[in-house]
Amino acid sequence: MKTISLRTFSRNKEKKAYTLLELLIVISIIATLAAIATPVSMSVMNQARKTECSQQISNLITALNGYKMEYGHIPIKTGLTETDVLKTDSGDGINLIKCLTGEDNVSFKNPREIVFFEPNYTDTKVGGLDATTDALYDPWGGPYQILLDVNFDKKIDPTALGLRGLLPVRREFLIISLGKDSNDMIFSWKK
């Protein structure tokens, strides 16, 4: 039979504990690291949104050019003027996106129902096509704004988008995302 000394028994019962000072030091180190990491991670996430937005605009440009190659002109609608801004979360903006995704509709014709644009689908109204409303949103949750050269002179004035100080652009369409703020705006013609 093995005997246990009283000294060994009492040493095993002792519990180690952290002092209040040690806990406060660990908490302050974690808080400092979090304070340093938060702005960096926010910057990385914002850059990822800009990249996603640029890609979505490039996809829209490709879709509009594909439509033009198929039908001989960009999608147009009777009565549309060059100052009419198509917002992809309402009215003719939604109809334009429907046209590019293969739907022939009253506003914009796609009689062969060719799919030129395959957006990401979302149910959060951020960064894709909301399947319930057919609205297309940028990564910040705002609509894309599109101007079309409906008189075919390959010249569009971007001031119709509410942007001052910009000269007319020689393009058949302009697409802009307003981003989170004025520092995040992405222009299709400044790529």
C-alpha atoms as a PDB file:
ATOM      1  CA  MET A   1       0.000   0.000   0.000  1.00  0.00           C
ATOM      2  CA  LYS A   2       1.272   3.424  -0.998  1.00  0.00           C
ATOM      3  CA  THR A   3       1.154   6.184   1.511  1.00  0.00           C
ATOM      4  CA  ILE A   4       0.605   9.800   0.663  1.00  0.00           C
ATOM      5  CA  SER A   5       2.289  12.373   2.745  1.00  0.00           C
ATOM      6  CA  LEU A   6       0.306  15.256   4.083  1.00  0.00           C
ATOM      7  CA  ARG A   7       2.707  17.684   2.430  1.00  0.00           C
ATOM      8  CA  THR A   8       2.063  16.260  -1.086  1.00  0.00           C
ATOM      9  CA  PHE A   9      -1.680  16.288  -0.531  1.00  0.00           C
ATOM     10  CA  SER A  10      -1.785  19.923   0.500  1.00  0.00           C
ATOM     11  CA  ARG A  11       0.428  21.018  -2.423  1.00  0.00           C
ATOM     12  CA  ASN A  12      -1.955  19.437  -4.946  1.00  0.00           C
ATOM     13  CA  LYS A  13      -4.908  21.293  -3.511  1.00  0.00           C
ATOM     14  CA  GLU A  14      -3.350  24.717  -4.033  1.00  0.00           C
ATOM     15  CA  LYS A  15      -4.868  26.575  -6.987  1.00  0.00           C
ATOM     16  CA  LYS A  16      -2.945  29.022  -9.113  1.00  0.00           C
ATOM     17  CA  ALA A  17      -4.726  32.280  -9.806  1.00  0.00           C
ATOM     18  CA  TYR A  18      -3.955  35.391 -11.816  1.00  0.00           C
ATOM     19  CA  THR A  19      -3.685  38.637 -10.022  1.00  0.00           C
ATOM     20  CA  LEU A  20      -5.905  41.549 -10.943  1.00  0.00           C
ATOM     21  CA  LEU A  21      -2.875  43.398 -12.295  1.00  0.00           C
ATOM     22  CA  GLU A  22      -1.987  40.521 -14.638  1.00  0.00           C
ATOM     23  CA  LEU A  23      -5.556  40.400 -15.959  1.00  0.00           C
ATOM     24  CA  LEU A  24      -5.602  44.168 -16.567  1.00  0.00           C
ATOM     25  CA  ILE A  25      -2.315  43.990 -18.480  1.00  0.00           C
ATOM     26  CA  VAL A  26      -3.626  41.185 -20.735  1.00  0.00           C
ATOM     27  CA  ILE A  27      -6.883  43.046 -21.360  1.00  0.00           C
ATOM     28  CA  SER A  28      -5.035  46.266 -22.236  1.00  0.00           C
ATOM     29  CA  ILE A  29      -2.748  44.405 -24.662  1.00  0.00           C
ATOM     30  CA  ILE A  30      -5.773  42.822 -26.391  1.00  0.00           C
ATOM     31  CA  ALA A  31      -7.543  46.205 -26.564  1.00  0.00           C
ATOM     32  CA  THR A  32      -4.442  47.853 -28.081  1.00  0.00           C
ATOM     33  CA  LEU A  33      -4.127  45.128 -30.726  1.00  0.00           C
ATOM     34  CA  ALA A  34      -7.816  45.447 -31.570  1.00  0.00           C
ATOM     35  CA  ALA A  35      -7.482  49.235 -31.888  1.00  0.00           C
ATOM     36  CA  ILE A  36      -4.597  48.774 -34.310  1.00  0.00           C
ATOM     37  CA  ALA A  37      -6.249  45.990 -36.312  1.00  0.00           C
ATOM     38  CA  THR A  38      -9.695  47.582 -36.765  1.00  0.00           C
ATOM     39  CA  PRO A  39      -8.702  50.460 -39.102  1.00  0.00           C
ATOM     40  CA  VAL A  40      -6.450  48.148 -41.089  1.00  0.00           C
ATOM     41  CA  SER A  41      -9.188  45.557 -41.549  1.00  0.00           C
ATOM     42  CA  MET A  42     -11.721  48.265 -42.464  1.00  0.00           C
ATOM     43  CA  SER A  43      -9.314  49.601 -45.085  1.00  0.00           C
ATOM     44  CA  VAL A  44      -8.823  46.112 -46.522  1.00  0.00           C
ATOM     45  CA  MET A  45     -12.595  45.528 -46.616  1.00  0.00           C
ATOM     46  CA  ASN A  46     -13.185  48.892 -48.340  1.00  0.00           C
ATOM     47  CA  GLN A  47     -10.520  48.082 -50.937  1.00  0.00           C
ATOM     48  CA  ALA A  48     -12.214  44.731 -51.537  1.00  0.00           C
ATOM     49  CA  ARG A  49     -15.526  46.540 -52.099  1.00  0.00           C
ATOM     50  CA  LYS A  50     -13.859  48.884 -54.606  1.00  0.00           C
ATOM     51  CA  THR A  51     -12.405  45.907 -56.452  1.00  0.00           C
ATOM     52  CA  GLU A  52     -15.774  44.134 -56.481  1.00  0.00           C
ATOM     53  CA  CYS A  53     -17.464  47.307 -57.753  1.00  0.00           C
ATOM     54  CA  SER A  54     -14.883  47.783 -60.520  1.00  0.00           C
ATOM     55  CA  GLN A  55     -15.429  44.193 -61.587  1.00  0.00           C
ATOM     56  CA  GLN A  56     -19.215  44.631 -61.634  1.00  0.00           C
ATOM     57  CA  ILE A  57     -18.847  47.802 -63.750  1.00  0.00           C
ATOM     58  CA  SER A  58     -16.518  45.918 -66.121  1.00  0.00           C
ATOM     59  CA  ASN A  59     -19.139  43.167 -66.397  1.00  0.00           C
ATOM     60  CA  LEU A  60     -21.821  45.766 -67.225  1.00  0.00           C
ATOM     61  CA  ILE A  61     -19.539  47.316 -69.863  1.00  0.00           C
ATOM     62  CA  THR A  62     -18.961  43.876 -71.380  1.00  0.00           C
ATOM     63  CA  ALA A  63     -22.713  43.214 -71.363  1.00  0.00           C
ATOM     64  CA  LEU A  64     -23.540  46.525 -73.061  1.00  0.00           C
ATOM     65  CA  ASN A  65     -20.833  45.928 -75.670  1.00  0.00           C
ATOM     66  CA  GLY A  66     -22.127  42.389 -76.216  1.00  0.00           C
ATOM     67  CA  TYR A  67     -25.633  43.752 -76.760  1.00  0.00           C
ATOM     68  CA  LYS A  68     -24.220  46.277 -79.250  1.00  0.00           C
ATOM     69  CA  MET A  69     -22.374  43.545 -81.153  1.00  0.00           C
ATOM     70  CA  GLU A  70     -25.506  41.398 -81.324  1.00  0.00           C
ATOM     71  CA  TYR A  71     -28.067  44.071 -82.221  1.00  0.00           C
ATOM     72  CA  GLY A  72     -25.908  46.783 -83.838  1.00  0.00           C
ATOM     73  CA  HIS A  73     -26.595  49.444 -81.188  1.00  0.00           C
ATOM     74  CA  ILE A  74     -26.639  49.871 -77.440  1.00  0.00           C
ATOM     75  CA  PRO A  75     -29.961  49.178 -75.685  1.00  0.00           C
ATOM     76  CA  ILE A  76     -32.175  52.223 -76.081  1.00  0.00           C
ATOM     77  CA  LYS A  77     -35.739  53.128 -75.270  1.00  0.00           C
ATOM     78  CA  THR A  78     -38.065  55.525 -77.074  1.00  0.00           C
ATOM     79  CA  GLY A  79     -38.326  58.845 -75.265  1.00  0.00           C
ATOM     80  CA  LEU A  80     -35.069  58.432 -73.336  1.00  0.00           C
ATOM     81  CA  THR A  81     -32.759  61.461 -73.381  1.00  0.00           C
ATOM     82  CA  GLU A  82     -29.036  61.729 -72.669  1.00  0.00           C
ATOM     83  CA  THR A  83     -29.753  63.461 -69.385  1.00  0.00           C
ATOM     84  CA  ASP A  84     -31.949  60.617 -68.128  1.00  0.00           C
ATOM     85  CA  VAL A  85     -29.995  58.808 -65.445  1.00  0.00           C
ATOM     86  CA  LEU A  86     -30.923  55.146 -65.211  1.00  0.00           C
ATOM     87  CA  LYS A  87     -30.587  53.985 -61.616  1.00  0.00           C
ATOM     88  CA  THR A  88     -30.349  50.237 -61.288  1.00  0.00           C
ATOM     89  CA  ASP A  89     -32.737  50.159 -58.333  1.00  0.00           C
ATOM     90  CA  SER A  90     -35.793  51.634 -60.056  1.00  0.00           C
ATOM     91  CA  GLY A  91     -37.777  52.037 -63.275  1.00  0.00           C
ATOM     92  CA  ASP A  92     -35.881  51.917 -66.549  1.00  0.00           C
ATOM     93  CA  GLY A  93     -32.636  51.073 -64.766  1.00  0.00           C
ATOM     94  CA  ILE A  94     -34.165  47.793 -63.591  1.00  0.00           C
ATOM     95  CA  ASN A  95     -35.585  47.228 -67.094  1.00  0.00           C
ATOM     96  CA  LEU A  96     -32.129  47.759 -68.630  1.00  0.00           C
ATOM     97  CA  ILE A  97     -30.619  45.167 -66.271  1.00  0.00           C
ATOM     98  CA  LYS A  98     -33.495  42.769 -67.091  1.00  0.00           C
ATOM     99  CA  CYS A  99     -32.734  43.273 -70.790  1.00  0.00           C
ATOM    100  CA  LEU A 100     -29.049  42.491 -70.243  1.00  0.00           C
ATOM    101  CA  THR A 101     -29.886  39.392 -68.195  1.00  0.00           C
ATOM    102  CA  GLY A 102     -31.904  37.972 -71.094  1.00  0.00           C
ATOM    103  CA  GLU A 103     -35.408  39.302 -70.601  1.00  0.00           C
ATOM    104  CA  ASP A 104     -37.227  41.028 -73.458  1.00  0.00           C
ATOM    105  CA  ASN A 105     -39.311  43.785 -71.864  1.00  0.00           C
ATOM    106  CA  VAL A 106     -41.398  46.782 -72.878  1.00  0.00           C
ATOM    107  CA  SER A 107     -38.648  49.348 -72.201  1.00  0.00           C
ATOM    108  CA  PHE A 108     -35.556  47.663 -73.617  1.00  0.00           C
ATOM    109  CA  LYS A 109     -35.768  45.028 -76.306  1.00  0.00           C
ATOM    110  CA  ASN A 110     -33.828  41.775 -76.296  1.00  0.00           C
ATOM    111  CA  PRO A 111     -35.987  39.729 -78.705  1.00  0.00           C
ATOM    112  CA  ARG A 112     -33.536  36.805 -78.819  1.00  0.00           C
ATOM    113  CA  GLU A 113     -33.420  36.825 -74.989  1.00  0.00           C
ATOM    114  CA  ILE A 114     -29.637  36.504 -74.984  1.00  0.00           C
ATOM    115  CA  VAL A 115     -27.953  36.637 -71.591  1.00  0.00           C
ATOM    116  CA  PHE A 116     -25.276  39.319 -71.726  1.00  0.00           C
ATOM    117  CA  PHE A 117     -24.950  39.894 -67.988  1.00  0.00           C
ATOM    118  CA  GLU A 118     -24.879  37.348 -65.166  1.00  0.00           C
ATOM    119  CA  PRO A 119     -24.896  39.238 -61.862  1.00  0.00           C
ATOM    120  CA  ASN A 120     -24.313  37.931 -58.371  1.00  0.00           C
ATOM    121  CA  TYR A 121     -27.645  37.405 -56.654  1.00  0.00           C
ATOM    122  CA  THR A 122     -28.230  38.704 -53.155  1.00  0.00           C
ATOM    123  CA  ASP A 123     -31.044  39.087 -50.684  1.00  0.00           C
ATOM    124  CA  THR A 124     -29.319  41.820 -48.673  1.00  0.00           C
ATOM    125  CA  LYS A 125     -29.530  44.651 -51.245  1.00  0.00           C
ATOM    126  CA  VAL A 126     -25.737  44.909 -51.167  1.00  0.00           C
ATOM    127  CA  GLY A 127     -23.321  43.845 -53.870  1.00  0.00           C
ATOM    128  CA  GLY A 128     -25.541  42.185 -56.437  1.00  0.00           C
ATOM    129  CA  LEU A 129     -28.961  41.710 -57.957  1.00  0.00           C
ATOM    130  CA  ASP A 130     -31.760  41.530 -55.412  1.00  0.00           C
ATOM    131  CA  ALA A 131     -33.830  38.600 -56.618  1.00  0.00           C
ATOM    132  CA  THR A 132     -37.048  39.957 -55.084  1.00  0.00           C
ATOM    133  CA  THR A 133     -36.929  43.438 -56.678  1.00  0.00           C
ATOM    134  CA  ASP A 134     -34.601  42.849 -59.681  1.00  0.00           C
ATOM    135  CA  ALA A 135     -32.585  45.885 -58.522  1.00  0.00           C
ATOM    136  CA  LEU A 136     -28.797  45.877 -58.923  1.00  0.00           C
ATOM    137  CA  TYR A 137     -26.760  47.284 -56.032  1.00  0.00           C
ATOM    138  CA  ASP A 138     -23.095  48.131 -55.621  1.00  0.00           C
ATOM    139  CA  PRO A 139     -21.068  46.728 -52.689  1.00  0.00           C
ATOM    140  CA  TRP A 140     -22.098  49.684 -50.486  1.00  0.00           C
ATOM    141  CA  GLY A 141     -25.821  49.134 -51.125  1.00  0.00           C
ATOM    142  CA  GLY A 142     -26.350  51.982 -53.603  1.00  0.00           C
ATOM    143  CA  PRO A 143     -27.585  51.685 -57.185  1.00  0.00           C
ATOM    144  CA  TYR A 144     -25.317  52.004 -60.184  1.00  0.00           C
ATOM    145  CA  GLN A 145     -26.127  55.035 -62.317  1.00  0.00           C
ATOM    146  CA  ILE A 146     -26.031  54.713 -66.088  1.00  0.00           C
ATOM    147  CA  LEU A 147     -26.155  57.294 -68.887  1.00  0.00           C
ATOM    148  CA  LEU A 148     -26.706  56.121 -72.460  1.00  0.00           C
ATOM    149  CA  ASP A 149     -25.743  57.876 -75.705  1.00  0.00           C
ATOM    150  CA  VAL A 150     -29.257  57.788 -77.134  1.00  0.00           C
ATOM    151  CA  ASN A 151     -28.535  60.211 -79.986  1.00  0.00           C
ATOM    152  CA  PHE A 152     -25.508  58.142 -81.130  1.00  0.00           C
ATOM    153  CA  ASP A 153     -22.963  60.978 -81.218  1.00  0.00           C
ATOM    154  CA  LYS A 154     -20.627  59.100 -78.829  1.00  0.00           C
ATOM    155  CA  LYS A 155     -20.572  62.050 -76.450  1.00  0.00           C
ATOM    156  CA  ILE A 156     -22.133  62.103 -72.987  1.00  0.00           C
ATOM    157  CA  ASP A 157     -22.117  64.894 -70.412  1.00  0.00           C
ATOM    158  CA  PRO A 158     -21.500  63.367 -66.947  1.00  0.00           C
ATOM    159  CA  THR A 159     -22.920  66.440 -65.198  1.00  0.00           C
ATOM    160  CA  ALA A 160     -26.338  64.773 -65.612  1.00  0.00           C
ATOM    161  CA  LEU A 161     -25.128  62.442 -62.840  1.00  0.00           C
ATOM    162  CA  GLY A 162     -24.909  65.431 -60.510  1.00  0.00           C
ATOM    163  CA  LEU A 163     -21.131  65.659 -60.836  1.00  0.00           C
ATOM    164  CA  ARG A 164     -19.804  69.145 -61.444  1.00  0.00           C
ATOM    165  CA  GLY A 165     -16.602  70.086 -63.208  1.00  0.00           C
ATOM    166  CA  LEU A 166     -16.429  67.062 -65.505  1.00  0.00           C
ATOM    167  CA  LEU A 167     -16.043  67.455 -69.235  1.00  0.00           C
ATOM    168  CA  PRO A 168     -18.165  65.534 -71.743  1.00  0.00           C
ATOM    169  CA  VAL A 169     -16.910  62.014 -72.342  1.00  0.00           C
ATOM    170  CA  ARG A 170     -16.635  60.287 -75.702  1.00  0.00           C
ATOM    171  CA  ARG A 171     -18.411  57.044 -74.896  1.00  0.00           C
ATOM    172  CA  GLU A 172     -21.666  55.294 -75.709  1.00  0.00           C
ATOM    173  CA  PHE A 173     -22.527  54.804 -72.044  1.00  0.00           C
ATOM    174  CA  LEU A 174     -21.278  55.895 -68.643  1.00  0.00           C
ATOM    175  CA  ILE A 175     -21.615  53.896 -65.441  1.00  0.00           C
ATOM    176  CA  ILE A 176     -20.876  55.206 -61.974  1.00  0.00           C
ATOM    177  CA  SER A 177     -21.012  53.901 -58.442  1.00  0.00           C
ATOM    178  CA  LEU A 178     -21.202  56.611 -55.791  1.00  0.00           C
ATOM    179  CA  GLY A 179     -19.522  54.316 -53.270  1.00  0.00           C
ATOM    180  CA  LYS A 180     -19.559  54.944 -49.554  1.00  0.00           C
ATOM    181  CA  ASP A 181     -18.475  58.577 -49.981  1.00  0.00           C
ATOM    182  CA  SER A 182     -16.851  60.844 -52.560  1.00  0.00           C
ATOM    183  CA  ASN A 183     -13.512  59.064 -52.104  1.00  0.00           C
ATOM    184  CA  ASP A 184     -15.014  55.742 -53.187  1.00  0.00           C
ATOM    185  CA  MET A 185     -16.731  56.826 -56.422  1.00  0.00           C
ATOM    186  CA  ILE A 186     -15.919  54.557 -59.341  1.00  0.00           C
ATOM    187  CA  PHE A 187     -16.338  55.758 -62.916  1.00  0.00           C
ATOM    188  CA  SER A 188     -16.510  53.444 -65.936  1.00  0.00           C
ATOM    189  CA  TRP A 189     -14.661  55.951 -68.094  1.00  0.00           C
ATOM    190  CA  LYS A 190     -11.763  56.504 -65.675  1.00  0.00           C
ATOM    191  CA  LYS A 191     -10.581  52.909 -65.550  1.00  0.00           C
END
